[in-house]
Amino acid sequence: MNTEEVLEEFRAAGALREGHFVLSSGLHSGVFLQKNLVFQYPDRTERLCKALAARIREAVGEVDLCISPAVGGIIPGYETARHLGVPSMYVEREGGAFKLRRAFSIPPGARIAMVEDIVSTGLSSRECVDAIKAHGGDVVVAACIVDRSGGRADPGAPFVALARLDVPAYPADQLPPDLAAIPVEDPGSRRLHA
């Protein structure tokens, strides 16, 4: 599956949005990939994650386990693990930091694929990789459905993406005038509070 085929899955689900958005990183962008509109369809999710599993195998061979950051990475992590034939786990934020909880444990020597949905700066991926390492895991690859950074993100492990885009993102105080003129939406979940 190539980048255009991945984007077509997003377009067909109404998940490739244009406007003025605040990303989970806090940066602003004129493009937002509303992944949950894609992940609500099992057939679309299966096609994307089956292709991501193949990309992981091409990059690093077999893995023993997939671990994803909650909440956004749980669905693609699970579905990618299914196609790799391995267990799926996830880390959750506790006190602001990712931790392995819910009786999950990493077997000694396990080769782990950290699986994400969409990467912008790589911050959540790095935090997830760090949490896995803190629990004794060996992250052999960081994988995502879409890398919006054009390959500049640093997830803290060898990086593979099913689709790679170079979508500009800006700090709030450096918005281009055309973006600043559009009302802002904050469709992500990082800043939601219960």
N, C-alpha and C. Protein backbone atom coordinates (compact mmCIF):
# COMPACT_ATOMS: atom_id res chain seq x y z
N MET A 1 0.86 -1.18 0.00
CA MET A 1 0.00 0.00 0.00
C MET A 1 0.90 1.23 0.00
N ASN A 2 0.63 2.17 -0.89
CA ASN A 2 1.44 3.39 -0.96
C ASN A 2 0.69 4.56 -0.31
N THR A 3 1.35 5.71 -0.26
CA THR A 3 0.78 6.88 0.42
C THR A 3 -0.56 7.27 -0.17
N GLU A 4 -0.68 7.28 -1.47
CA GLU A 4 -1.96 7.68 -2.10
C GLU A 4 -3.07 6.71 -1.74
N GLU A 5 -2.78 5.43 -1.66
CA GLU A 5 -3.80 4.44 -1.28
C GLU A 5 -4.22 4.63 0.17
N VAL A 6 -3.27 4.96 1.04
CA VAL A 6 -3.60 5.25 2.44
C VAL A 6 -4.50 6.47 2.52
N LEU A 7 -4.12 7.55 1.82
CA LEU A 7 -4.93 8.77 1.83
C LEU A 7 -6.32 8.53 1.26
N GLU A 8 -6.43 7.65 0.29
CA GLU A 8 -7.74 7.34 -0.27
C GLU A 8 -8.64 6.69 0.78
N GLU A 9 -8.07 5.86 1.66
CA GLU A 9 -8.86 5.29 2.76
C GLU A 9 -9.39 6.40 3.67
N PHE A 10 -8.54 7.40 3.95
CA PHE A 10 -8.95 8.53 4.78
C PHE A 10 -10.01 9.37 4.06
N ARG A 11 -9.79 9.66 2.79
CA ARG A 11 -10.76 10.46 2.02
C ARG A 11 -12.12 9.76 1.98
N ALA A 12 -12.11 8.47 1.68
CA ALA A 12 -13.36 7.72 1.54
C ALA A 12 -14.14 7.68 2.86
N ALA A 13 -13.45 7.78 3.97
CA ALA A 13 -14.12 7.77 5.28
C ALA A 13 -14.45 9.19 5.76
N GLY A 14 -14.14 10.21 4.95
CA GLY A 14 -14.37 11.60 5.35
C GLY A 14 -13.41 12.05 6.43
N ALA A 15 -12.24 11.42 6.47
CA ALA A 15 -11.29 11.65 7.56
C ALA A 15 -10.12 12.56 7.19
N LEU A 16 -10.04 13.00 5.95
CA LEU A 16 -9.00 13.93 5.53
C LEU A 16 -9.64 15.31 5.51
N ARG A 17 -9.36 16.09 6.55
CA ARG A 17 -10.05 17.36 6.76
C ARG A 17 -9.12 18.54 6.52
N GLU A 18 -9.70 19.62 6.02
CA GLU A 18 -8.95 20.86 5.82
C GLU A 18 -9.62 21.97 6.60
N GLY A 19 -8.82 22.88 7.14
CA GLY A 19 -9.31 24.00 7.95
C GLY A 19 -8.16 24.51 8.80
N HIS A 20 -8.43 24.77 10.08
CA HIS A 20 -7.40 25.22 11.03
C HIS A 20 -7.57 24.36 12.28
N PHE A 21 -6.57 23.53 12.54
CA PHE A 21 -6.66 22.55 13.61
C PHE A 21 -5.48 22.66 14.57
N VAL A 22 -5.73 22.39 15.85
CA VAL A 22 -4.66 22.24 16.82
C VAL A 22 -4.41 20.74 16.93
N LEU A 23 -3.17 20.33 16.65
CA LEU A 23 -2.80 18.92 16.71
C LEU A 23 -2.53 18.52 18.16
N SER A 24 -2.42 17.24 18.43
CA SER A 24 -2.14 16.78 19.80
C SER A 24 -0.80 17.32 20.29
N SER A 25 0.09 17.65 19.37
CA SER A 25 1.40 18.22 19.74
C SER A 25 1.29 19.68 20.21
N GLY A 26 0.12 20.31 19.97
CA GLY A 26 -0.05 21.72 20.26
C GLY A 26 0.23 22.61 19.06
N LEU A 27 0.81 22.03 18.01
CA LEU A 27 1.06 22.78 16.78
C LEU A 27 -0.24 22.95 16.00
N HIS A 28 -0.27 23.95 15.12
CA HIS A 28 -1.44 24.23 14.30
C HIS A 28 -1.18 23.80 12.87
N SER A 29 -2.24 23.31 12.20
CA SER A 29 -2.09 22.83 10.83
C SER A 29 -3.38 23.07 10.06
N GLY A 30 -3.25 23.17 8.74
CA GLY A 30 -4.39 23.30 7.86
C GLY A 30 -4.98 21.96 7.44
N VAL A 31 -4.35 20.86 7.86
CA VAL A 31 -4.82 19.52 7.51
C VAL A 31 -4.90 18.67 8.78
N PHE A 32 -6.00 17.94 8.92
CA PHE A 32 -6.16 17.04 10.06
C PHE A 32 -6.63 15.69 9.55
N LEU A 33 -6.01 14.65 10.03
CA LEU A 33 -6.40 13.28 9.69
C LEU A 33 -7.21 12.72 10.86
N GLN A 34 -8.53 12.67 10.71
CA GLN A 34 -9.43 12.22 11.77
C GLN A 34 -9.51 10.70 11.73
N LYS A 35 -8.47 10.07 12.28
CA LYS A 35 -8.28 8.63 12.16
C LYS A 35 -9.45 7.80 12.65
N ASN A 36 -10.19 8.28 13.65
CA ASN A 36 -11.29 7.48 14.19
C ASN A 36 -12.41 7.30 13.18
N LEU A 37 -12.53 8.21 12.21
CA LEU A 37 -13.51 8.03 11.14
C LEU A 37 -13.09 6.88 10.22
N VAL A 38 -11.80 6.59 10.16
CA VAL A 38 -11.29 5.43 9.41
C VAL A 38 -11.44 4.17 10.26
N PHE A 39 -11.01 4.26 11.52
CA PHE A 39 -10.99 3.08 12.39
C PHE A 39 -12.37 2.57 12.77
N GLN A 40 -13.43 3.33 12.47
CA GLN A 40 -14.77 2.82 12.74
C GLN A 40 -15.17 1.74 11.73
N TYR A 41 -14.41 1.65 10.64
CA TYR A 41 -14.69 0.66 9.61
C TYR A 41 -13.67 -0.48 9.69
N PRO A 42 -14.11 -1.67 10.12
CA PRO A 42 -13.17 -2.79 10.24
C PRO A 42 -12.45 -3.13 8.94
N ASP A 43 -13.13 -3.02 7.79
CA ASP A 43 -12.48 -3.38 6.53
C ASP A 43 -11.36 -2.40 6.18
N ARG A 44 -11.57 -1.11 6.39
CA ARG A 44 -10.52 -0.11 6.13
C ARG A 44 -9.34 -0.32 7.09
N THR A 45 -9.68 -0.51 8.36
CA THR A 45 -8.65 -0.70 9.38
C THR A 45 -7.84 -1.95 9.08
N GLU A 46 -8.52 -3.01 8.66
CA GLU A 46 -7.81 -4.25 8.33
C GLU A 46 -6.84 -4.03 7.17
N ARG A 47 -7.28 -3.35 6.11
CA ARG A 47 -6.39 -3.12 4.96
C ARG A 47 -5.15 -2.32 5.37
N LEU A 48 -5.36 -1.26 6.14
CA LEU A 48 -4.24 -0.42 6.57
C LEU A 48 -3.27 -1.19 7.47
N CYS A 49 -3.80 -1.89 8.44
CA CYS A 49 -2.94 -2.56 9.42
C CYS A 49 -2.28 -3.82 8.87
N LYS A 50 -2.94 -4.48 7.93
CA LYS A 50 -2.31 -5.62 7.25
C LYS A 50 -1.10 -5.13 6.46
N ALA A 51 -1.25 -3.98 5.79
CA ALA A 51 -0.13 -3.40 5.04
C ALA A 51 0.97 -2.92 5.99
N LEU A 52 0.59 -2.36 7.14
CA LEU A 52 1.60 -1.93 8.12
C LEU A 52 2.35 -3.13 8.68
N ALA A 53 1.65 -4.22 8.94
CA ALA A 53 2.31 -5.45 9.42
C ALA A 53 3.34 -5.93 8.39
N ALA A 54 2.98 -5.88 7.13
CA ALA A 54 3.93 -6.29 6.08
C ALA A 54 5.14 -5.35 6.05
N ARG A 55 4.90 -4.07 6.24
CA ARG A 55 6.01 -3.09 6.25
C ARG A 55 6.94 -3.35 7.44
N ILE A 56 6.37 -3.71 8.59
CA ILE A 56 7.18 -4.04 9.77
C ILE A 56 8.04 -5.26 9.48
N ARG A 57 7.44 -6.30 8.92
CA ARG A 57 8.20 -7.52 8.59
C ARG A 57 9.33 -7.22 7.62
N GLU A 58 9.05 -6.39 6.61
CA GLU A 58 10.10 -6.01 5.64
C GLU A 58 11.26 -5.30 6.33
N ALA A 59 10.93 -4.47 7.31
CA ALA A 59 11.95 -3.65 7.97
C ALA A 59 12.78 -4.42 8.99
N VAL A 60 12.12 -5.26 9.81
CA VAL A 60 12.84 -5.86 10.94
C VAL A 60 12.62 -7.36 11.09
N GLY A 61 11.89 -7.98 10.19
CA GLY A 61 11.60 -9.40 10.35
C GLY A 61 10.46 -9.61 11.34
N GLU A 62 10.49 -10.73 12.01
CA GLU A 62 9.41 -11.06 12.95
C GLU A 62 9.58 -10.32 14.27
N VAL A 63 8.46 -10.01 14.90
CA VAL A 63 8.45 -9.42 16.24
C VAL A 63 7.64 -10.34 17.13
N ASP A 64 7.76 -10.12 18.44
CA ASP A 64 7.07 -10.97 19.41
C ASP A 64 5.83 -10.32 20.01
N LEU A 65 5.74 -8.99 19.84
CA LEU A 65 4.73 -8.25 20.59
C LEU A 65 4.55 -6.88 19.98
N CYS A 66 3.31 -6.35 19.99
CA CYS A 66 3.05 -4.96 19.62
C CYS A 66 2.58 -4.23 20.87
N ILE A 67 3.12 -3.04 21.08
CA ILE A 67 2.67 -2.18 22.17
C ILE A 67 2.39 -0.81 21.60
N SER A 68 1.25 -0.24 21.99
CA SER A 68 0.80 1.05 21.48
C SER A 68 0.48 2.01 22.61
N PRO A 69 0.49 3.31 22.31
CA PRO A 69 0.05 4.28 23.30
C PRO A 69 -1.48 4.39 23.30
N ALA A 70 -2.09 4.40 24.49
CA ALA A 70 -3.53 4.60 24.60
C ALA A 70 -3.80 6.10 24.44
N VAL A 71 -4.85 6.47 23.91
CA VAL A 71 -5.98 5.70 23.44
C VAL A 71 -5.87 5.49 21.92
N GLY A 72 -5.33 6.47 21.23
CA GLY A 72 -5.36 6.46 19.77
C GLY A 72 -4.66 5.30 19.11
N GLY A 73 -3.66 4.72 19.76
CA GLY A 73 -2.92 3.63 19.14
C GLY A 73 -3.48 2.25 19.40
N ILE A 74 -4.49 2.14 20.27
CA ILE A 74 -4.98 0.81 20.65
C ILE A 74 -5.54 0.05 19.45
N ILE A 75 -6.41 0.67 18.66
CA ILE A 75 -7.03 -0.04 17.53
C ILE A 75 -5.99 -0.44 16.49
N PRO A 76 -5.16 0.49 15.97
CA PRO A 76 -4.18 0.05 14.98
C PRO A 76 -3.14 -0.90 15.56
N GLY A 77 -2.81 -0.75 16.83
CA GLY A 77 -1.87 -1.68 17.46
C GLY A 77 -2.41 -3.09 17.52
N TYR A 78 -3.68 -3.21 17.92
CA TYR A 78 -4.32 -4.51 18.00
C TYR A 78 -4.42 -5.16 16.62
N GLU A 79 -4.90 -4.38 15.65
CA GLU A 79 -5.12 -4.95 14.31
C GLU A 79 -3.80 -5.30 13.63
N THR A 80 -2.77 -4.50 13.85
CA THR A 80 -1.45 -4.82 13.29
C THR A 80 -0.90 -6.08 13.94
N ALA A 81 -1.06 -6.19 15.26
CA ALA A 81 -0.62 -7.40 15.97
C ALA A 81 -1.34 -8.64 15.45
N ARG A 82 -2.61 -8.49 15.14
CA ARG A 82 -3.38 -9.62 14.61
C ARG A 82 -2.75 -10.13 13.31
N HIS A 83 -2.33 -9.21 12.45
CA HIS A 83 -1.73 -9.61 11.18
C HIS A 83 -0.30 -10.10 11.34
N LEU A 84 0.34 -9.73 12.42
CA LEU A 84 1.68 -10.24 12.72
C LEU A 84 1.62 -11.56 13.50
N GLY A 85 0.43 -11.89 14.00
CA GLY A 85 0.25 -13.12 14.77
C GLY A 85 0.87 -13.06 16.15
N VAL A 86 0.86 -11.86 16.76
CA VAL A 86 1.47 -11.67 18.08
C VAL A 86 0.49 -10.97 19.03
N PRO A 87 0.75 -11.01 20.33
CA PRO A 87 -0.10 -10.30 21.28
C PRO A 87 0.00 -8.78 21.11
N SER A 88 -1.04 -8.11 21.57
CA SER A 88 -1.09 -6.65 21.55
C SER A 88 -1.31 -6.13 22.97
N MET A 89 -0.52 -5.13 23.34
CA MET A 89 -0.66 -4.46 24.64
C MET A 89 -0.66 -2.97 24.40
N TYR A 90 -0.91 -2.21 25.46
CA TYR A 90 -0.83 -0.76 25.34
C TYR A 90 -0.37 -0.15 26.65
N VAL A 91 0.20 1.04 26.53
CA VAL A 91 0.58 1.81 27.71
C VAL A 91 -0.45 2.91 27.88
N GLU A 92 -0.65 3.34 29.13
CA GLU A 92 -1.61 4.39 29.46
C GLU A 92 -0.91 5.47 30.27
N ARG A 93 -1.46 6.66 30.22
CA ARG A 93 -0.91 7.74 31.03
C ARG A 93 -1.37 7.58 32.48
N GLU A 94 -0.40 7.68 33.36
CA GLU A 94 -0.67 7.67 34.80
C GLU A 94 0.24 8.74 35.38
N GLY A 95 -0.35 9.76 35.96
CA GLY A 95 0.45 10.86 36.48
C GLY A 95 1.19 11.59 35.37
N GLY A 96 0.62 11.59 34.15
CA GLY A 96 1.22 12.29 33.03
C GLY A 96 2.23 11.49 32.23
N ALA A 97 2.61 10.30 32.70
CA ALA A 97 3.61 9.49 32.00
C ALA A 97 2.99 8.15 31.58
N PHE A 98 3.45 7.63 30.43
CA PHE A 98 2.98 6.33 29.98
C PHE A 98 3.54 5.23 30.88
N LYS A 99 2.65 4.27 31.20
CA LYS A 99 3.04 3.12 32.01
C LYS A 99 2.32 1.89 31.48
N LEU A 100 2.95 0.76 31.64
CA LEU A 100 2.34 -0.52 31.31
C LEU A 100 1.51 -0.92 32.53
N ARG A 101 0.21 -1.12 32.35
CA ARG A 101 -0.70 -1.44 33.45
C ARG A 101 -1.53 -2.66 33.10
N ARG A 102 -2.60 -2.89 33.85
CA ARG A 102 -3.60 -3.93 33.58
C ARG A 102 -3.01 -5.33 33.50
N ALA A 103 -2.00 -5.58 34.31
CA ALA A 103 -1.34 -6.89 34.39
C ALA A 103 -0.55 -7.24 33.14
N PHE A 104 -0.35 -6.28 32.22
CA PHE A 104 0.52 -6.54 31.07
C PHE A 104 1.95 -6.66 31.55
N SER A 105 2.70 -7.55 30.94
CA SER A 105 4.13 -7.66 31.23
C SER A 105 4.85 -8.07 29.96
N ILE A 106 6.09 -7.65 29.87
CA ILE A 106 6.90 -7.91 28.68
C ILE A 106 7.80 -9.11 28.96
N PRO A 107 7.69 -10.16 28.16
CA PRO A 107 8.57 -11.31 28.35
C PRO A 107 10.04 -10.92 28.10
N PRO A 108 10.96 -11.47 28.86
CA PRO A 108 12.39 -11.16 28.64
C PRO A 108 12.80 -11.48 27.20
N GLY A 109 13.54 -10.57 26.60
CA GLY A 109 14.07 -10.76 25.25
C GLY A 109 13.08 -10.54 24.13
N ALA A 110 11.85 -10.12 24.44
CA ALA A 110 10.84 -9.92 23.40
C ALA A 110 11.23 -8.79 22.46
N ARG A 111 11.06 -9.05 21.16
CA ARG A 111 11.27 -8.03 20.13
C ARG A 111 9.93 -7.32 19.94
N ILE A 112 9.93 -6.01 20.19
CA ILE A 112 8.67 -5.27 20.25
C ILE A 112 8.56 -4.26 19.11
N ALA A 113 7.36 -4.25 18.50
CA ALA A 113 6.99 -3.20 17.55
C ALA A 113 6.09 -2.23 18.30
N MET A 114 6.52 -0.98 18.40
CA MET A 114 5.67 0.07 18.95
C MET A 114 4.82 0.57 17.78
N VAL A 115 3.50 0.47 17.90
CA VAL A 115 2.60 0.81 16.79
C VAL A 115 1.74 2.00 17.17
N GLU A 116 1.79 3.03 16.32
CA GLU A 116 1.05 4.28 16.48
C GLU A 116 0.07 4.45 15.34
N ASP A 117 -0.82 5.41 15.49
CA ASP A 117 -1.73 5.76 14.42
C ASP A 117 -1.10 6.82 13.52
N ILE A 118 -0.98 8.05 14.02
CA ILE A 118 -0.44 9.16 13.24
C ILE A 118 0.65 9.83 14.05
N VAL A 119 1.77 10.10 13.40
CA VAL A 119 2.90 10.77 14.06
C VAL A 119 3.07 12.15 13.45
N SER A 120 3.16 13.16 14.32
CA SER A 120 3.44 14.53 13.85
C SER A 120 4.85 14.95 14.25
N THR A 121 5.13 14.93 15.54
CA THR A 121 6.47 15.31 16.02
C THR A 121 7.25 14.11 16.54
N GLY A 122 6.53 13.05 16.89
CA GLY A 122 7.16 11.86 17.46
C GLY A 122 7.16 11.85 18.97
N LEU A 123 6.62 12.89 19.62
CA LEU A 123 6.65 12.98 21.08
C LEU A 123 5.94 11.80 21.75
N SER A 124 4.70 11.52 21.37
CA SER A 124 3.97 10.40 22.00
C SER A 124 4.68 9.07 21.73
N SER A 125 5.21 8.93 20.52
CA SER A 125 5.94 7.70 20.19
C SER A 125 7.17 7.55 21.08
N ARG A 126 7.94 8.63 21.24
CA ARG A 126 9.13 8.57 22.11
C ARG A 126 8.74 8.25 23.54
N GLU A 127 7.66 8.86 24.02
CA GLU A 127 7.20 8.58 25.39
C GLU A 127 6.79 7.11 25.52
N CYS A 128 6.15 6.57 24.49
CA CYS A 128 5.75 5.16 24.52
C CYS A 128 6.98 4.26 24.48
N VAL A 129 7.93 4.56 23.59
CA VAL A 129 9.17 3.77 23.50
C VAL A 129 9.91 3.81 24.84
N ASP A 130 10.00 5.00 25.45
CA ASP A 130 10.67 5.13 26.75
C ASP A 130 9.99 4.28 27.82
N ALA A 131 8.65 4.26 27.82
CA ALA A 131 7.92 3.46 28.80
C ALA A 131 8.18 1.97 28.59
N ILE A 132 8.22 1.55 27.32
CA ILE A 132 8.49 0.14 27.02
C ILE A 132 9.89 -0.23 27.51
N LYS A 133 10.86 0.64 27.24
CA LYS A 133 12.23 0.38 27.69
C LYS A 133 12.32 0.35 29.21
N ALA A 134 11.54 1.21 29.87
CA ALA A 134 11.54 1.24 31.34
C ALA A 134 11.02 -0.08 31.92
N HIS A 135 10.21 -0.78 31.13
CA HIS A 135 9.69 -2.09 31.56
C HIS A 135 10.52 -3.23 31.00
N GLY A 136 11.73 -2.92 30.50
CA GLY A 136 12.65 -3.95 30.04
C GLY A 136 12.46 -4.38 28.60
N GLY A 137 11.65 -3.66 27.83
CA GLY A 137 11.38 -4.05 26.45
C GLY A 137 12.45 -3.62 25.47
N ASP A 138 12.58 -4.37 24.38
CA ASP A 138 13.50 -4.08 23.29
C ASP A 138 12.67 -3.65 22.08
N VAL A 139 12.57 -2.33 21.86
CA VAL A 139 11.78 -1.80 20.75
C VAL A 139 12.63 -1.86 19.49
N VAL A 140 12.29 -2.78 18.59
CA VAL A 140 13.07 -2.95 17.36
C VAL A 140 12.56 -2.08 16.23
N VAL A 141 11.32 -1.56 16.37
CA VAL A 141 10.76 -0.67 15.35
C VAL A 141 9.63 0.16 15.95
N ALA A 142 9.55 1.40 15.50
CA ALA A 142 8.40 2.27 15.78
C ALA A 142 7.67 2.40 14.45
N ALA A 143 6.40 2.02 14.42
CA ALA A 143 5.65 1.99 13.17
C ALA A 143 4.37 2.81 13.32
N CYS A 144 3.96 3.43 12.21
CA CYS A 144 2.71 4.19 12.23
C CYS A 144 2.00 4.08 10.90
N ILE A 145 0.72 4.38 10.91
CA ILE A 145 -0.07 4.41 9.68
C ILE A 145 0.37 5.60 8.84
N VAL A 146 0.40 6.81 9.45
CA VAL A 146 0.77 8.02 8.72
C VAL A 146 1.81 8.81 9.52
N ASP A 147 2.88 9.15 8.86
CA ASP A 147 3.89 10.08 9.39
C ASP A 147 3.66 11.41 8.68
N ARG A 148 3.16 12.42 9.43
CA ARG A 148 2.89 13.73 8.84
C ARG A 148 4.14 14.61 8.80
N SER A 149 5.25 14.14 9.35
CA SER A 149 6.44 14.98 9.49
C SER A 149 7.37 14.93 8.28
N GLY A 150 7.03 14.14 7.27
CA GLY A 150 7.92 13.99 6.13
C GLY A 150 9.20 13.27 6.48
N GLY A 151 9.16 12.45 7.53
CA GLY A 151 10.34 11.69 7.94
C GLY A 151 11.22 12.40 8.97
N ARG A 152 10.82 13.58 9.42
CA ARG A 152 11.64 14.34 10.38
C ARG A 152 11.37 13.95 11.84
N ALA A 153 10.25 13.30 12.12
CA ALA A 153 9.93 12.93 13.50
C ALA A 153 10.96 11.91 14.01
N ASP A 154 11.23 11.98 15.30
CA ASP A 154 12.13 11.03 15.94
C ASP A 154 11.35 10.26 17.00
N PRO A 155 10.89 9.05 16.66
CA PRO A 155 10.12 8.28 17.64
C PRO A 155 10.96 7.53 18.65
N GLY A 156 12.28 7.61 18.54
CA GLY A 156 13.13 6.95 19.53
C GLY A 156 13.50 5.52 19.20
N ALA A 157 13.18 5.08 18.00
CA ALA A 157 13.52 3.73 17.52
C ALA A 157 13.51 3.78 16.00
N PRO A 158 14.06 2.75 15.33
CA PRO A 158 13.97 2.73 13.87
C PRO A 158 12.51 2.91 13.45
N PHE A 159 12.27 3.77 12.46
CA PHE A 159 10.93 4.28 12.15
C PHE A 159 10.45 3.83 10.78
N VAL A 160 9.26 3.22 10.74
CA VAL A 160 8.61 2.90 9.48
C VAL A 160 7.20 3.47 9.49
N ALA A 161 6.76 3.92 8.33
CA ALA A 161 5.41 4.48 8.18
C ALA A 161 4.78 3.91 6.93
N LEU A 162 3.50 3.65 7.00
CA LEU A 162 2.77 3.17 5.84
C LEU A 162 2.64 4.30 4.81
N ALA A 163 2.40 5.51 5.30
CA ALA A 163 2.33 6.69 4.43
C ALA A 163 3.16 7.79 5.06
N ARG A 164 3.85 8.52 4.22
CA ARG A 164 4.69 9.62 4.72
C ARG A 164 4.26 10.89 3.99
N LEU A 165 3.84 11.90 4.76
CA LEU A 165 3.42 13.19 4.23
C LEU A 165 4.31 14.27 4.82
N ASP A 166 4.36 15.40 4.15
CA ASP A 166 5.07 16.56 4.71
C ASP A 166 4.04 17.67 4.84
N VAL A 167 3.31 17.65 5.96
CA VAL A 167 2.24 18.60 6.21
C VAL A 167 2.75 19.67 7.17
N PRO A 168 2.78 20.93 6.73
CA PRO A 168 3.28 21.99 7.61
C PRO A 168 2.46 22.10 8.90
N ALA A 169 3.16 22.36 9.98
CA ALA A 169 2.54 22.60 11.28
C ALA A 169 3.31 23.74 11.93
N TYR A 170 2.58 24.59 12.66
CA TYR A 170 3.16 25.83 13.17
C TYR A 170 2.87 26.04 14.65
N PRO A 171 3.81 26.64 15.38
CA PRO A 171 3.48 27.09 16.73
C PRO A 171 2.40 28.16 16.66
N ALA A 172 1.62 28.29 17.72
CA ALA A 172 0.49 29.24 17.73
C ALA A 172 0.92 30.68 17.45
N ASP A 173 2.13 31.04 17.83
CA ASP A 173 2.58 32.42 17.62
C ASP A 173 3.28 32.64 16.28
N GLN A 174 3.27 31.61 15.40
CA GLN A 174 3.93 31.73 14.10
C GLN A 174 3.02 31.28 12.95
N LEU A 175 1.71 31.51 13.11
CA LEU A 175 0.77 31.08 12.08
C LEU A 175 0.87 31.94 10.83
N PRO A 176 0.81 31.32 9.65
CA PRO A 176 0.72 32.12 8.44
C PRO A 176 -0.64 32.85 8.43
N PRO A 177 -0.72 34.03 7.81
CA PRO A 177 -1.96 34.82 7.85
C PRO A 177 -3.20 34.07 7.36
N ASP A 178 -3.06 33.26 6.30
CA ASP A 178 -4.23 32.54 5.78
C ASP A 178 -4.76 31.52 6.79
N LEU A 179 -3.89 30.88 7.56
CA LEU A 179 -4.33 29.93 8.57
C LEU A 179 -4.91 30.67 9.78
N ALA A 180 -4.27 31.76 10.17
CA ALA A 180 -4.74 32.55 11.32
C ALA A 180 -6.14 33.11 11.09
N ALA A 181 -6.53 33.30 9.83
CA ALA A 181 -7.84 33.88 9.51
C ALA A 181 -8.99 32.89 9.64
N ILE A 182 -8.67 31.60 9.83
CA ILE A 182 -9.69 30.56 9.92
C ILE A 182 -9.93 30.21 11.38
N PRO A 183 -11.20 30.07 11.81
CA PRO A 183 -11.46 29.66 13.19
C PRO A 183 -10.79 28.32 13.50
N VAL A 184 -10.24 28.19 14.69
CA VAL A 184 -9.48 27.01 15.06
C VAL A 184 -10.38 25.93 15.66
N GLU A 185 -10.08 24.67 15.33
CA GLU A 185 -10.73 23.50 15.92
C GLU A 185 -9.67 22.70 16.65
N ASP A 186 -10.08 22.07 17.77
CA ASP A 186 -9.17 21.22 18.54
C ASP A 186 -9.80 19.82 18.60
N PRO A 187 -9.64 19.03 17.51
CA PRO A 187 -10.33 17.74 17.43
C PRO A 187 -9.61 16.59 18.12
N GLY A 188 -8.41 16.81 18.65
CA GLY A 188 -7.65 15.74 19.27
C GLY A 188 -8.13 15.42 20.67
N SER A 189 -7.43 14.50 21.32
CA SER A 189 -7.87 14.05 22.65
C SER A 189 -6.86 14.34 23.76
N ARG A 190 -5.66 14.77 23.43
CA ARG A 190 -4.63 14.92 24.46
C ARG A 190 -5.02 15.93 25.53
N ARG A 191 -5.73 16.99 25.13
CA ARG A 191 -6.07 18.04 26.09
C ARG A 191 -7.46 17.86 26.70
N LEU A 192 -8.12 16.73 26.45
CA LEU A 192 -9.42 16.48 27.06
C LEU A 192 -9.22 16.11 28.54
N HIS A 193 -10.11 16.59 29.35
CA HIS A 193 -10.04 16.27 30.79
C HIS A 193 -11.40 15.75 31.22
N ALA A 194 -11.39 14.73 32.04
CA ALA A 194 -12.64 14.11 32.51
C ALA A 194 -13.35 15.01 33.48
